[in-house]
Amino acid sequence: MSYTVVFTPEAEAQLIELYGYIAAEASPEIAARFTDGIVTYCESLRTFPARGNRRDDIRLGLRVTSYRKRVAIAFHVDEDRVNIIGVFYGGQDYEAALLEEE
């Protein structure tokens, strides 16, 4: 079964913010390569969405995985869809952020 991967507006905004930060600190090319890699990784969840750690203590059905040990990706799997709900970079407190949204 193949799932559809959908980014929430919040996750899209986080990717744009991350791109801006890396582009300013390094270069737009490096920023594009890194953020494109995150998107590609998230899209790979369509074939095996049960990756990462289940974090029902934060939100029922929440799963968290990482990209290059620097980015925490929070997502929820429905019947046929993977919802990317957050992309947290460099030690951001994703637990607190997701609890606040709840």
PDB file of N, CA and C in Angstrom:
ATOM      1  N   MET A   1       0.841  -1.192   0.000  1.00  0.00           N
ATOM      2  CA  MET A   1       0.000   0.000   0.000  1.00  0.00           C
ATOM      3  C   MET A   1       0.879   1.244   0.000  1.00  0.00           C
ATOM      4  N   SER A   2       0.480   2.207  -0.775  1.00  0.00           N
ATOM      5  CA  SER A   2       1.198   3.469  -0.834  1.00  0.00           C
ATOM      6  C   SER A   2       0.340   4.564  -0.206  1.00  0.00           C
ATOM      7  N   TYR A   3       0.935   5.320   0.696  1.00  0.00           N
ATOM      8  CA  TYR A   3       0.254   6.407   1.391  1.00  0.00           C
ATOM      9  C   TYR A   3       0.527   7.715   0.670  1.00  0.00           C
ATOM     10  N   THR A   4      -0.342   8.680   0.876  1.00  0.00           N
ATOM     11  CA  THR A   4      -0.130  10.035   0.393  1.00  0.00           C
ATOM     12  C   THR A   4       0.531  10.820   1.526  1.00  0.00           C
ATOM     13  N   VAL A   5       1.569  11.579   1.206  1.00  0.00           N
ATOM     14  CA  VAL A   5       2.252  12.398   2.207  1.00  0.00           C
ATOM     15  C   VAL A   5       1.790  13.843   2.037  1.00  0.00           C
ATOM     16  N   VAL A   6       1.321  14.425   3.144  1.00  0.00           N
ATOM     17  CA  VAL A   6       0.802  15.792   3.134  1.00  0.00           C
ATOM     18  C   VAL A   6       1.504  16.593   4.221  1.00  0.00           C
ATOM     19  N   PHE A   7       1.983  17.779   3.854  1.00  0.00           N
ATOM     20  CA  PHE A   7       2.615  18.690   4.819  1.00  0.00           C
ATOM     21  C   PHE A   7       1.559  19.685   5.312  1.00  0.00           C
ATOM     22  N   THR A   8       1.466  19.848   6.624  1.00  0.00           N
ATOM     23  CA  THR A   8       0.572  20.871   7.167  1.00  0.00           C
ATOM     24  C   THR A   8       1.162  22.246   6.852  1.00  0.00           C
ATOM     25  N   PRO A   9       0.348  23.294   6.889  1.00  0.00           N
ATOM     26  CA  PRO A   9       0.889  24.644   6.676  1.00  0.00           C
ATOM     27  C   PRO A   9       2.008  24.978   7.678  1.00  0.00           C
ATOM     28  N   GLU A  10       1.892  24.487   8.916  1.00  0.00           N
ATOM     29  CA  GLU A  10       2.922  24.743   9.931  1.00  0.00           C
ATOM     30  C   GLU A  10       4.249  24.090   9.537  1.00  0.00           C
ATOM     31  N   ALA A  11       4.185  22.858   9.046  1.00  0.00           N
ATOM     32  CA  ALA A  11       5.401  22.158   8.627  1.00  0.00           C
ATOM     33  C   ALA A  11       6.026  22.855   7.422  1.00  0.00           C
ATOM     34  N   GLU A  12       5.206  23.305   6.483  1.00  0.00           N
ATOM     35  CA  GLU A  12       5.722  24.041   5.327  1.00  0.00           C
ATOM     36  C   GLU A  12       6.413  25.329   5.771  1.00  0.00           C
ATOM     37  N   ALA A  13       5.805  26.038   6.730  1.00  0.00           N
ATOM     38  CA  ALA A  13       6.402  27.274   7.240  1.00  0.00           C
ATOM     39  C   ALA A  13       7.731  26.992   7.935  1.00  0.00           C
ATOM     40  N   GLN A  14       7.803  25.889   8.662  1.00  0.00           N
ATOM     41  CA  GLN A  14       9.056  25.517   9.325  1.00  0.00           C
ATOM     42  C   GLN A  14      10.150  25.216   8.304  1.00  0.00           C
ATOM     43  N   LEU A  15       9.805  24.556   7.210  1.00  0.00           N
ATOM     44  CA  LEU A  15      10.786  24.282   6.153  1.00  0.00           C
ATOM     45  C   LEU A  15      11.281  25.577   5.513  1.00  0.00           C
ATOM     46  N   ILE A  16      10.372  26.510   5.271  1.00  0.00           N
ATOM     47  CA  ILE A  16      10.749  27.803   4.687  1.00  0.00           C
ATOM     48  C   ILE A  16      11.665  28.572   5.640  1.00  0.00           C
ATOM     49  N   GLU A  17      11.325  28.554   6.921  1.00  0.00           N
ATOM     50  CA  GLU A  17      12.158  29.219   7.927  1.00  0.00           C
ATOM     51  C   GLU A  17      13.545  28.584   7.995  1.00  0.00           C
ATOM     52  N   LEU A  18      13.597  27.263   7.953  1.00  0.00           N
ATOM     53  CA  LEU A  18      14.876  26.556   7.976  1.00  0.00           C
ATOM     54  C   LEU A  18      15.699  26.897   6.743  1.00  0.00           C
ATOM     55  N   TYR A  19      15.057  26.923   5.586  1.00  0.00           N
ATOM     56  CA  TYR A  19      15.748  27.302   4.354  1.00  0.00           C
ATOM     57  C   TYR A  19      16.369  28.698   4.510  1.00  0.00           C
ATOM     58  N   GLY A  20      15.588  29.645   5.002  1.00  0.00           N
ATOM     59  CA  GLY A  20      16.088  31.016   5.175  1.00  0.00           C
ATOM     60  C   GLY A  20      17.276  31.095   6.109  1.00  0.00           C
ATOM     61  N   TYR A  21      17.208  30.341   7.192  1.00  0.00           N
ATOM     62  CA  TYR A  21      18.305  30.329   8.161  1.00  0.00           C
ATOM     63  C   TYR A  21      19.576  29.772   7.529  1.00  0.00           C
ATOM     64  N   ILE A  22      19.481  28.638   6.861  1.00  0.00           N
ATOM     65  CA  ILE A  22      20.668  28.020   6.265  1.00  0.00           C
ATOM     66  C   ILE A  22      21.195  28.861   5.110  1.00  0.00           C
ATOM     67  N   ALA A  23      20.300  29.441   4.322  1.00  0.00           N
ATOM     68  CA  ALA A  23      20.728  30.289   3.205  1.00  0.00           C
ATOM     69  C   ALA A  23      21.517  31.490   3.706  1.00  0.00           C
ATOM     70  N   ALA A  24      21.098  32.071   4.814  1.00  0.00           N
ATOM     71  CA  ALA A  24      21.795  33.226   5.380  1.00  0.00           C
ATOM     72  C   ALA A  24      23.132  32.838   5.991  1.00  0.00           C
ATOM     73  N   GLU A  25      23.186  31.674   6.637  1.00  0.00           N
ATOM     74  CA  GLU A  25      24.399  31.235   7.320  1.00  0.00           C
ATOM     75  C   GLU A  25      25.409  30.565   6.374  1.00  0.00           C
ATOM     76  N   ALA A  26      24.925  29.914   5.335  1.00  0.00           N
ATOM     77  CA  ALA A  26      25.804  29.171   4.424  1.00  0.00           C
ATOM     78  C   ALA A  26      25.611  29.688   3.005  1.00  0.00           C
ATOM     79  N   SER A  27      24.622  29.136   2.298  1.00  0.00           N
ATOM     80  CA  SER A  27      24.306  29.595   0.949  1.00  0.00           C
ATOM     81  C   SER A  27      22.935  29.060   0.545  1.00  0.00           C
ATOM     82  N   PRO A  28      22.311  29.703  -0.437  1.00  0.00           N
ATOM     83  CA  PRO A  28      21.025  29.206  -0.911  1.00  0.00           C
ATOM     84  C   PRO A  28      21.114  27.780  -1.487  1.00  0.00           C
ATOM     85  N   GLU A  29      22.235  27.461  -2.106  1.00  0.00           N
ATOM     86  CA  GLU A  29      22.400  26.119  -2.680  1.00  0.00           C
ATOM     87  C   GLU A  29      22.418  25.049  -1.584  1.00  0.00           C
ATOM     88  N   ILE A  30      23.151  25.317  -0.522  1.00  0.00           N
ATOM     89  CA  ILE A  30      23.219  24.367   0.592  1.00  0.00           C
ATOM     90  C   ILE A  30      21.848  24.258   1.257  1.00  0.00           C
ATOM     91  N   ALA A  31      21.179  25.396   1.420  1.00  0.00           N
ATOM     92  CA  ALA A  31      19.851  25.393   2.035  1.00  0.00           C
ATOM     93  C   ALA A  31      18.868  24.572   1.204  1.00  0.00           C
ATOM     94  N   ALA A  32      18.902  24.757  -0.108  1.00  0.00           N
ATOM     95  CA  ALA A  32      17.999  24.008  -0.986  1.00  0.00           C
ATOM     96  C   ALA A  32      18.294  22.520  -0.924  1.00  0.00           C
ATOM     97  N   ARG A  33      19.557  22.166  -0.937  1.00  0.00           N
ATOM     98  CA  ARG A  33      19.936  20.753  -0.882  1.00  0.00           C
ATOM     99  C   ARG A  33      19.449  20.112   0.417  1.00  0.00           C
ATOM    100  N   PHE A  34      19.629  20.812   1.533  1.00  0.00           N
ATOM    101  CA  PHE A  34      19.248  20.262   2.830  1.00  0.00           C
ATOM    102  C   PHE A  34      17.731  20.150   2.962  1.00  0.00           C
ATOM    103  N   THR A  35      17.002  21.210   2.643  1.00  0.00           N
ATOM    104  CA  THR A  35      15.545  21.169   2.785  1.00  0.00           C
ATOM    105  C   THR A  35      14.909  20.220   1.762  1.00  0.00           C
ATOM    106  N   ASP A  36      15.469  20.147   0.560  1.00  0.00           N
ATOM    107  CA  ASP A  36      14.974  19.172  -0.417  1.00  0.00           C
ATOM    108  C   ASP A  36      15.178  17.749   0.099  1.00  0.00           C
ATOM    109  N   GLY A  37      16.290  17.519   0.791  1.00  0.00           N
ATOM    110  CA  GLY A  37      16.551  16.208   1.381  1.00  0.00           C
ATOM    111  C   GLY A  37      15.517  15.850   2.441  1.00  0.00           C
ATOM    112  N   ILE A  38      15.109  16.839   3.225  1.00  0.00           N
ATOM    113  CA  ILE A  38      14.076  16.614   4.237  1.00  0.00           C
ATOM    114  C   ILE A  38      12.763  16.230   3.560  1.00  0.00           C
ATOM    115  N   VAL A  39      12.396  16.970   2.531  1.00  0.00           N
ATOM    116  CA  VAL A  39      11.147  16.690   1.815  1.00  0.00           C
ATOM    117  C   VAL A  39      11.187  15.294   1.199  1.00  0.00           C
ATOM    118  N   THR A  40      12.309  14.935   0.585  1.00  0.00           N
ATOM    119  CA  THR A  40      12.450  13.606  -0.010  1.00  0.00           C
ATOM    120  C   THR A  40      12.328  12.521   1.050  1.00  0.00           C
ATOM    121  N   TYR A  41      12.954  12.743   2.203  1.00  0.00           N
ATOM    122  CA  TYR A  41      12.850  11.778   3.296  1.00  0.00           C
ATOM    123  C   TYR A  41      11.396  11.634   3.748  1.00  0.00           C
ATOM    124  N   CYS A  42      10.712  12.761   3.913  1.00  0.00           N
ATOM    125  CA  CYS A  42       9.301  12.714   4.318  1.00  0.00           C
ATOM    126  C   CYS A  42       8.463  11.973   3.282  1.00  0.00           C
ATOM    127  N   GLU A  43       8.723  12.227   2.011  1.00  0.00           N
ATOM    128  CA  GLU A  43       7.971  11.546   0.962  1.00  0.00           C
ATOM    129  C   GLU A  43       8.238  10.049   0.954  1.00  0.00           C
ATOM    130  N   SER A  44       9.390   9.622   1.460  1.00  0.00           N
ATOM    131  CA  SER A  44       9.686   8.192   1.521  1.00  0.00           C
ATOM    132  C   SER A  44       8.824   7.478   2.564  1.00  0.00           C
ATOM    133  N   LEU A  45       8.172   8.240   3.423  1.00  0.00           N
ATOM    134  CA  LEU A  45       7.265   7.644   4.410  1.00  0.00           C
ATOM    135  C   LEU A  45       6.032   7.028   3.747  1.00  0.00           C
ATOM    136  N   ARG A  46       5.819   7.328   2.481  1.00  0.00           N
ATOM    137  CA  ARG A  46       4.650   6.780   1.785  1.00  0.00           C
ATOM    138  C   ARG A  46       4.706   5.265   1.667  1.00  0.00           C
ATOM    139  N   THR A  47       5.904   4.694   1.667  1.00  0.00           N
ATOM    140  CA  THR A  47       6.009   3.241   1.520  1.00  0.00           C
ATOM    141  C   THR A  47       6.174   2.513   2.850  1.00  0.00           C
ATOM    142  N   PHE A  48       6.656   3.187   3.861  1.00  0.00           N
ATOM    143  CA  PHE A  48       6.816   2.562   5.176  1.00  0.00           C
ATOM    144  C   PHE A  48       6.636   3.631   6.250  1.00  0.00           C
ATOM    145  N   PRO A  49       5.383   3.967   6.566  1.00  0.00           N
ATOM    146  CA  PRO A  49       5.133   5.077   7.489  1.00  0.00           C
ATOM    147  C   PRO A  49       5.305   4.737   8.970  1.00  0.00           C
ATOM    148  N   ALA A  50       5.534   3.484   9.301  1.00  0.00           N
ATOM    149  CA  ALA A  50       5.634   3.102  10.720  1.00  0.00           C
ATOM    150  C   ALA A  50       7.049   3.283  11.249  1.00  0.00           C
ATOM    151  N   ARG A  51       7.783   4.236  10.708  1.00  0.00           N
ATOM    152  CA  ARG A  51       9.144   4.522  11.178  1.00  0.00           C
ATOM    153  C   ARG A  51       9.108   5.426  12.392  1.00  0.00           C
ATOM    154  N   GLY A  52      10.243   5.525  13.020  1.00  0.00           N
ATOM    155  CA  GLY A  52      10.369   6.448  14.138  1.00  0.00           C
ATOM    156  C   GLY A  52       9.776   5.882  15.409  1.00  0.00           C
ATOM    157  N   ASN A  53       9.660   6.759  16.363  1.00  0.00           N
ATOM    158  CA  ASN A  53       9.142   6.383  17.675  1.00  0.00           C
ATOM    159  C   ASN A  53       7.716   6.875  17.841  1.00  0.00           C
ATOM    160  N   ARG A  54       6.904   6.038  18.387  1.00  0.00           N
ATOM    161  CA  ARG A  54       5.529   6.427  18.697  1.00  0.00           C
ATOM    162  C   ARG A  54       5.561   7.293  19.951  1.00  0.00           C
ATOM    163  N   ARG A  55       4.881   8.438  19.923  1.00  0.00           N
ATOM    164  CA  ARG A  55       4.885   9.383  21.045  1.00  0.00           C
ATOM    165  C   ARG A  55       3.467   9.725  21.477  1.00  0.00           C
ATOM    166  N   ASP A  56       2.742   8.696  21.895  1.00  0.00           N
ATOM    167  CA  ASP A  56       1.379   8.899  22.380  1.00  0.00           C
ATOM    168  C   ASP A  56       1.338   9.759  23.639  1.00  0.00           C
ATOM    169  N   ASP A  57       2.472   9.880  24.332  1.00  0.00           N
ATOM    170  CA  ASP A  57       2.525  10.723  25.522  1.00  0.00           C
ATOM    171  C   ASP A  57       2.374  12.206  25.179  1.00  0.00           C
ATOM    172  N   ILE A  58       2.679  12.564  23.942  1.00  0.00           N
ATOM    173  CA  ILE A  58       2.542  13.950  23.496  1.00  0.00           C
ATOM    174  C   ILE A  58       1.188  14.152  22.822  1.00  0.00           C
ATOM    175  N   ARG A  59       0.880  13.241  21.913  1.00  0.00           N
ATOM    176  CA  ARG A  59      -0.362  13.318  21.145  1.00  0.00           C
ATOM    177  C   ARG A  59      -0.666  11.926  20.623  1.00  0.00           C
ATOM    178  N   LEU A  60      -1.902  11.481  20.755  1.00  0.00           N
ATOM    179  CA  LEU A  60      -2.288  10.141  20.342  1.00  0.00           C
ATOM    180  C   LEU A  60      -1.987   9.926  18.851  1.00  0.00           C
ATOM    181  N   GLY A  61      -1.240   8.871  18.548  1.00  0.00           N
ATOM    182  CA  GLY A  61      -0.911   8.541  17.166  1.00  0.00           C
ATOM    183  C   GLY A  61       0.302   9.257  16.605  1.00  0.00           C
ATOM    184  N   LEU A  62       0.930  10.120  17.400  1.00  0.00           N
ATOM    185  CA  LEU A  62       2.095  10.868  16.924  1.00  0.00           C
ATOM    186  C   LEU A  62       3.299   9.946  16.785  1.00  0.00           C
ATOM    187  N   ARG A  63       4.033  10.124  15.702  1.00  0.00           N
ATOM    188  CA  ARG A  63       5.301   9.430  15.491  1.00  0.00           C
ATOM    189  C   ARG A  63       6.366  10.500  15.231  1.00  0.00           C
ATOM    190  N   VAL A  64       7.592  10.226  15.666  1.00  0.00           N
ATOM    191  CA  VAL A  64       8.699  11.158  15.452  1.00  0.00           C
ATOM    192  C   VAL A  64       9.878  10.367  14.923  1.00  0.00           C
ATOM    193  N   THR A  65      10.455  10.865  13.853  1.00  0.00           N
ATOM    194  CA  THR A  65      11.656  10.283  13.275  1.00  0.00           C
ATOM    195  C   THR A  65      12.657  11.408  13.073  1.00  0.00           C
ATOM    196  N   SER A  66      13.866  11.058  12.664  1.00  0.00           N
ATOM    197  CA  SER A  66      14.863  12.116  12.480  1.00  0.00           C
ATOM    198  C   SER A  66      15.489  12.033  11.097  1.00  0.00           C
ATOM    199  N   TYR A  67      16.005  13.163  10.676  1.00  0.00           N
ATOM    200  CA  TYR A  67      16.729  13.276   9.411  1.00  0.00           C
ATOM    201  C   TYR A  67      18.126  13.783   9.729  1.00  0.00           C
ATOM    202  N   ARG A  68      19.113  12.998   9.395  1.00  0.00           N
ATOM    203  CA  ARG A  68      20.531  13.334   9.621  1.00  0.00           C
ATOM    204  C   ARG A  68      20.846  13.719  11.066  1.00  0.00           C
ATOM    205  N   LYS A  69      20.109  13.208  11.996  1.00  0.00           N
ATOM    206  CA  LYS A  69      20.311  13.441  13.431  1.00  0.00           C
ATOM    207  C   LYS A  69      20.238  14.912  13.823  1.00  0.00           C
ATOM    208  N   ARG A  70      19.742  15.761  12.927  1.00  0.00           N
ATOM    209  CA  ARG A  70      19.644  17.196  13.204  1.00  0.00           C
ATOM    210  C   ARG A  70      18.219  17.719  13.132  1.00  0.00           C
ATOM    211  N   VAL A  71      17.339  16.941  12.499  1.00  0.00           N
ATOM    212  CA  VAL A  71      15.969  17.386  12.277  1.00  0.00           C
ATOM    213  C   VAL A  71      15.010  16.336  12.829  1.00  0.00           C
ATOM    214  N   ALA A  72      14.096  16.768  13.677  1.00  0.00           N
ATOM    215  CA  ALA A  72      13.027  15.884  14.162  1.00  0.00           C
ATOM    216  C   ALA A  72      11.799  16.146  13.298  1.00  0.00           C
ATOM    217  N   ILE A  73      11.241  15.068  12.776  1.00  0.00           N
ATOM    218  CA  ILE A  73      10.051  15.159  11.925  1.00  0.00           C
ATOM    219  C   ILE A  73       8.900  14.498  12.675  1.00  0.00           C
ATOM    220  N   ALA A  74       7.867  15.283  12.961  1.00  0.00           N
ATOM    221  CA  ALA A  74       6.691  14.780  13.673  1.00  0.00           C
ATOM    222  C   ALA A  74       5.586  14.544  12.657  1.00  0.00           C
ATOM    223  N   PHE A  75       4.954  13.373  12.755  1.00  0.00           N
ATOM    224  CA  PHE A  75       3.913  13.045  11.790  1.00  0.00           C
ATOM    225  C   PHE A  75       2.872  12.124  12.403  1.00  0.00           C
ATOM    226  N   HIS A  76       1.758  12.041  11.710  1.00  0.00           N
ATOM    227  CA  HIS A  76       0.633  11.199  12.118  1.00  0.00           C
ATOM    228  C   HIS A  76       0.201  10.408  10.892  1.00  0.00           C
ATOM    229  N   VAL A  77      -0.103   9.125  11.080  1.00  0.00           N
ATOM    230  CA  VAL A  77      -0.513   8.272   9.972  1.00  0.00           C
ATOM    231  C   VAL A  77      -2.000   7.975  10.098  1.00  0.00           C
ATOM    232  N   ASP A  78      -2.744   8.289   9.052  1.00  0.00           N
ATOM    233  CA  ASP A  78      -4.158   7.940   8.956  1.00  0.00           C
ATOM    234  C   ASP A  78      -4.262   6.670   8.110  1.00  0.00           C
ATOM    235  N   GLU A  79      -5.463   6.323   7.713  1.00  0.00           N
ATOM    236  CA  GLU A  79      -5.679   5.110   6.935  1.00  0.00           C
ATOM    237  C   GLU A  79      -4.859   5.074   5.657  1.00  0.00           C
ATOM    238  N   ASP A  80      -4.787   6.186   4.933  1.00  0.00           N
ATOM    239  CA  ASP A  80      -4.069   6.199   3.656  1.00  0.00           C
ATOM    240  C   ASP A  80      -3.209   7.445   3.482  1.00  0.00           C
ATOM    241  N   ARG A  81      -2.925   8.141   4.596  1.00  0.00           N
ATOM    242  CA  ARG A  81      -2.214   9.412   4.500  1.00  0.00           C
ATOM    243  C   ARG A  81      -1.222   9.583   5.640  1.00  0.00           C
ATOM    244  N   VAL A  82      -0.076  10.155   5.312  1.00  0.00           N
ATOM    245  CA  VAL A  82       0.916  10.538   6.318  1.00  0.00           C
ATOM    246  C   VAL A  82       0.882  12.058   6.403  1.00  0.00           C
ATOM    247  N   ASN A  83       0.542  12.573   7.566  1.00  0.00           N
ATOM    248  CA  ASN A  83       0.460  14.016   7.776  1.00  0.00           C
ATOM    249  C   ASN A  83       1.724  14.489   8.491  1.00  0.00           C
ATOM    250  N   ILE A  84       2.544  15.254   7.790  1.00  0.00           N
ATOM    251  CA  ILE A  84       3.751  15.824   8.402  1.00  0.00           C
ATOM    252  C   ILE A  84       3.292  17.064   9.167  1.00  0.00           C
ATOM    253  N   ILE A  85       3.393  17.016  10.490  1.00  0.00           N
ATOM    254  CA  ILE A  85       2.854  18.118  11.286  1.00  0.00           C
ATOM    255  C   ILE A  85       3.932  19.041  11.845  1.00  0.00           C
ATOM    256  N   GLY A  86       5.202  18.638  11.734  1.00  0.00           N
ATOM    257  CA  GLY A  86       6.256  19.517  12.223  1.00  0.00           C
ATOM    258  C   GLY A  86       7.626  19.090  11.777  1.00  0.00           C
ATOM    259  N   VAL A  87       8.482  20.076  11.501  1.00  0.00           N
ATOM    260  CA  VAL A  87       9.879  19.858  11.133  1.00  0.00           C
ATOM    261  C   VAL A  87      10.697  20.747  12.069  1.00  0.00           C
ATOM    262  N   PHE A  88      11.392  20.113  13.008  1.00  0.00           N
ATOM    263  CA  PHE A  88      12.082  20.846  14.075  1.00  0.00           C
ATOM    264  C   PHE A  88      13.583  20.634  13.937  1.00  0.00           C
ATOM    265  N   TYR A  89      14.328  21.728  13.842  1.00  0.00           N
ATOM    266  CA  TYR A  89      15.754  21.683  13.537  1.00  0.00           C
ATOM    267  C   TYR A  89      16.611  22.003  14.751  1.00  0.00           C
ATOM    268  N   GLY A  90      17.724  21.307  14.855  1.00  0.00           N
ATOM    269  CA  GLY A  90      18.795  21.673  15.778  1.00  0.00           C
ATOM    270  C   GLY A  90      18.416  21.752  17.241  1.00  0.00           C
ATOM    271  N   GLY A  91      17.688  20.785  17.731  1.00  0.00           N
ATOM    272  CA  GLY A  91      17.387  20.750  19.148  1.00  0.00           C
ATOM    273  C   GLY A  91      16.188  21.570  19.579  1.00  0.00           C
ATOM    274  N   GLN A  92      15.388  22.040  18.627  1.00  0.00           N
ATOM    275  CA  GLN A  92      14.169  22.740  19.012  1.00  0.00           C
ATOM    276  C   GLN A  92      13.311  21.801  19.854  1.00  0.00           C
ATOM    277  N   ASP A  93      12.599  22.347  20.804  1.00  0.00           N
ATOM    278  CA  ASP A  93      11.793  21.548  21.715  1.00  0.00           C
ATOM    279  C   ASP A  93      10.461  21.198  21.047  1.00  0.00           C
ATOM    280  N   TYR A  94      10.478  20.128  20.249  1.00  0.00           N
ATOM    281  CA  TYR A  94       9.271  19.748  19.545  1.00  0.00           C
ATOM    282  C   TYR A  94       8.181  19.264  20.493  1.00  0.00           C
ATOM    283  N   GLU A  95       8.573  18.677  21.604  1.00  0.00           N
ATOM    284  CA  GLU A  95       7.583  18.188  22.565  1.00  0.00           C
ATOM    285  C   GLU A  95       6.736  19.345  23.079  1.00  0.00           C
ATOM    286  N   ALA A  96       7.385  20.395  23.523  1.00  0.00           N
ATOM    287  CA  ALA A  96       6.660  21.561  24.036  1.00  0.00           C
ATOM    288  C   ALA A  96       5.807  22.205  22.948  1.00  0.00           C
ATOM    289  N   ALA A  97       6.357  22.331  21.749  1.00  0.00           N
ATOM    290  CA  ALA A  97       5.626  22.953  20.652  1.00  0.00           C
ATOM    291  C   ALA A  97       4.371  22.168  20.298  1.00  0.00           C
ATOM    292  N   LEU A  98       4.469  20.858  20.266  1.00  0.00           N
ATOM    293  CA  LEU A  98       3.320  20.027  19.912  1.00  0.00           C
ATOM    294  C   LEU A  98       2.296  19.960  21.041  1.00  0.00           C
ATOM    295  N   LEU A  99       2.760  20.017  22.283  1.00  0.00           N
ATOM    296  CA  LEU A  99       1.829  20.046  23.405  1.00  0.00           C
ATOM    297  C   LEU A  99       1.040  21.359  23.433  1.00  0.00           C
ATOM    298  N   GLU A 100       1.699  22.457  23.077  1.00  0.00           N
ATOM    299  CA  GLU A 100       1.032  23.761  23.037  1.00  0.00           C
ATOM    300  C   GLU A 100      -0.073  23.790  21.989  1.00  0.00           C
ATOM    301  N   GLU A 101       0.187  23.148  20.825  1.00  0.00           N
ATOM    302  CA  GLU A 101      -0.794  23.119  19.751  1.00  0.00           C
ATOM    303  C   GLU A 101      -2.021  22.321  20.124  1.00  0.00           C
ATOM    304  N   GLU A 102      -1.842  21.322  20.955  1.00  0.00           N
ATOM    305  CA  GLU A 102      -2.938  20.421  21.342  1.00  0.00           C
ATOM    306  C   GLU A 102      -3.924  21.179  22.135  1.00  0.00           C
TER     307      GLU A 102
END
